[in-house]
C-alpha atoms as a PDB file:
ATOM      1  CA  MET A   1      40.615-121.074-188.666  1.00  0.00           C
ATOM      2  CA  SER A   2      38.239-122.169-185.935  1.00  0.00           C
ATOM      3  CA  ASN A   3      38.521-118.746-184.273  1.00  0.00           C
ATOM      4  CA  TYR A   4      37.561-117.122-187.550  1.00  0.00           C
ATOM      5  CA  SER A   5      34.470-119.331-187.739  1.00  0.00           C
ATOM      6  CA  GLN A   6      33.601-118.448-184.159  1.00  0.00           C
ATOM      7  CA  LEU A   7      33.986-114.775-184.995  1.00  0.00           C
ATOM      8  CA  LYS A   8      31.623-114.995-187.972  1.00  0.00           C
ATOM      9  CA  ASP A   9      29.081-117.020-185.986  1.00  0.00           C
ATOM     10  CA  LEU A  10      29.142-114.541-183.115  1.00  0.00           C
ATOM     11  CA  VAL A  11      28.580-111.550-185.400  1.00  0.00           C
ATOM     12  CA  LEU A  12      25.737-113.304-187.206  1.00  0.00           C
ATOM     13  CA  SER A  13      24.110-114.346-183.930  1.00  0.00           C
ATOM     14  CA  LEU A  14      24.013-110.734-182.765  1.00  0.00           C
ATOM     15  CA  GLU A  15      22.191-109.492-185.851  1.00  0.00           C
ATOM     16  CA  SER A  16      18.673-110.045-184.503  1.00  0.00           C
ATOM     17  CA  ASP A  17      19.527-108.410-181.158  1.00  0.00           C
ATOM     18  CA  PHE A  18      20.914-105.372-182.992  1.00  0.00           C
ATOM     19  CA  GLU A  19      17.689-105.073-184.962  1.00  0.00           C
ATOM     20  CA  LYS A  20      15.553-105.455-181.844  1.00  0.00           C
ATOM     21  CA  PHE A  21      17.544-102.856-179.965  1.00  0.00           C
ATOM     22  CA  TYR A  22      17.872-100.212-182.682  1.00  0.00           C
ATOM     23  CA  ASP A  23      14.589-100.699-184.519  1.00  0.00           C
ATOM     24  CA  LYS A  24      12.246-101.694-181.687  1.00  0.00           C
ATOM     25  CA  GLN A  25      14.091-100.012-178.766  1.00  0.00           C
ATOM     26  CA  ASN A  26      14.149-103.283-176.818  1.00  0.00           C
ATOM     27  CA  SER A  27      16.491-102.641-173.871  1.00  0.00           C
ATOM     28  CA  ALA A  28      16.941-106.351-173.080  1.00  0.00           C
ATOM     29  CA  ALA A  29      18.290-106.812-176.601  1.00  0.00           C
ATOM     30  CA  GLY A  30      20.713-103.968-175.867  1.00  0.00           C
ATOM     31  CA  THR A  31      22.043-105.923-172.900  1.00  0.00           C
ATOM     32  CA  ARG A  32      22.556-108.968-175.126  1.00  0.00           C
ATOM     33  CA  VAL A  33      24.303-106.773-177.703  1.00  0.00           C
ATOM     34  CA  ARG A  34      26.683-105.413-175.080  1.00  0.00           C
ATOM     35  CA  LYS A  35      27.405-108.926-173.817  1.00  0.00           C
ATOM     36  CA  GLY A  36      28.015-110.147-177.361  1.00  0.00           C
ATOM     37  CA  MET A  37      30.291-107.210-178.099  1.00  0.00           C
ATOM     38  CA  GLN A  38      32.343-108.040-174.995  1.00  0.00           C
ATOM     39  CA  GLU A  39      32.682-111.626-176.226  1.00  0.00           C
ATOM     40  CA  LEU A  40      33.655-110.250-179.633  1.00  0.00           C
ATOM     41  CA  LYS A  41      36.315-108.074-178.027  1.00  0.00           C
ATOM     42  CA  ASN A  42      37.747-111.020-176.099  1.00  0.00           C
ATOM     43  CA  LEU A  43      37.761-113.240-179.174  1.00  0.00           C
ATOM     44  CA  ALA A  44      39.403-110.495-181.222  1.00  0.00           C
ATOM     45  CA  GLN A  45      42.138-110.172-178.580  1.00  0.00           C
ATOM     46  CA  THR A  46      42.696-113.939-178.662  1.00  0.00           C
ATOM     47  CA  ILE A  47      43.019-113.850-182.441  1.00  0.00           C
ATOM     48  CA  ARG A  48      45.405-110.888-182.273  1.00  0.00           C
ATOM     49  CA  THR A  49      47.606-112.751-179.803  1.00  0.00           C
ATOM     50  CA  GLU A  50      47.639-115.896-181.947  1.00  0.00           C
ATOM     51  CA  VAL A  51      48.558-113.919-185.063  1.00  0.00           C
ATOM     52  CA  GLN A  52      51.309-112.036-183.229  1.00  0.00           C
ATOM     53  CA  ASN A  53      52.755-115.252-181.798  1.00  0.00           C
ATOM     54  CA  ALA A  54      52.676-116.955-185.195  1.00  0.00           C
ATOM     55  CA  LYS A  55      54.322-113.941-186.801  1.00  0.00           C
ATOM     56  CA  ASN A  56      57.002-113.743-184.122  1.00  0.00           C
ATOM     57  CA  SER A  57      57.768-117.454-184.247  1.00  0.00           C
ATOM     58  CA  ALA A  58      58.042-117.349-188.053  1.00  0.00           C
ATOM     59  CA  ALA A  59      60.240-114.261-187.881  1.00  0.00           C
ATOM     60  CA  GLY A  60      62.223-115.797-185.046  1.00  0.00           C
ATOM     61  CA  ASP A  61      62.929-118.953-187.053  1.00  0.00           C
ATOM     62  CA  ALA A  62      63.977-117.017-190.150  1.00  0.00           C
ATOM     63  CA  GLY A  63      65.667-114.264-188.187  1.00  0.00           C
ATOM     64  CA  ALA A  64      67.694-116.608-186.000  1.00  0.00           C
ATOM     65  CA  ALA A  65      69.868-117.719-188.893  1.00  0.00           C
ATOM     66  CA  ALA A  66      70.146-114.229-190.367  1.00  0.00           C
ATOM     67  CA  GLY A  67      70.519-112.576-186.970  1.00  0.00           C
ATOM     68  CA  ALA A  68      73.511-114.735-186.087  1.00  0.00           C
ATOM     69  CA  ALA A  69      75.489-113.166-188.928  1.00  0.00           C
ATOM     70  CA  LYS A  70      74.588-109.585-187.939  1.00  0.00           C
ATOM     71  CA  ALA A  71      76.219-107.832-185.032  1.00  0.00           C
ATOM     72  CA  ALA A  72      74.181-105.767-182.624  1.00  0.00           C
ATOM     73  CA  PRO A  73      74.227-102.071-183.463  1.00  0.00           C
ATOM     74  CA  ALA A  74      76.721-100.077-181.446  1.00  0.00           C
ATOM     75  CA  LYS A  75      75.347 -97.651-178.886  1.00  0.00           C
ATOM     76  CA  LYS A  76      75.832 -93.994-179.651  1.00  0.00           C
ATOM     77  CA  ALA A  77      78.030 -92.103-177.256  1.00  0.00           C
ATOM     78  CA  ALA A  78      76.355 -89.257-175.449  1.00  0.00           C
ATOM     79  CA  ALA A  79      77.620 -85.819-176.429  1.00  0.00           C
ATOM     80  CA  PRO A  80      79.407 -83.984-173.636  1.00  0.00           C
ATOM     81  CA  ALA A  81      77.160 -81.418-171.993  1.00  0.00           C
ATOM     82  CA  ALA A  82      79.791 -78.674-172.013  1.00  0.00           C
ATOM     83  CA  ALA A  83      80.569 -79.096-175.718  1.00  0.00           C
ATOM     84  CA  LYS A  84      77.583 -77.070-176.927  1.00  0.00           C
ATOM     85  CA  LYS A  85      75.744 -74.188-175.358  1.00  0.00           C
ATOM     86  CA  ALA A  86      72.303 -73.123-176.383  1.00  0.00           C
ATOM     87  CA  ALA A  87      72.114 -69.809-178.204  1.00  0.00           C
ATOM     88  CA  PRO A  88      70.567 -67.024-176.142  1.00  0.00           C
ATOM     89  CA  ALA A  89      66.951 -66.221-176.905  1.00  0.00           C
ATOM     90  CA  LYS A  90      66.349 -63.185-179.108  1.00  0.00           C
ATOM     91  CA  LYS A  91      64.471 -60.255-177.653  1.00  0.00           C
ATOM     92  CA  LYS A  92      61.680 -58.611-179.591  1.00  0.00           C
END
């Protein structure tokens, strides 16, 4: 949950810079907003990776026992090329 707290803190810390940039047209605040949004993007990617890894490890633990009982699906055989010909195109 610490990443979630960091995410909330980062968004709240950018609030004043957003106001300065959009309401007062302060370009330096715009630079800080862009920097903060980049940090937000990186933090969001970190959180996404953590969630995906947690999901995969939970599914892997549960799926390992169930997956052992299931056989891998058989591959479909390719249809012979000469077996079917395409119908000729109709002329108008």
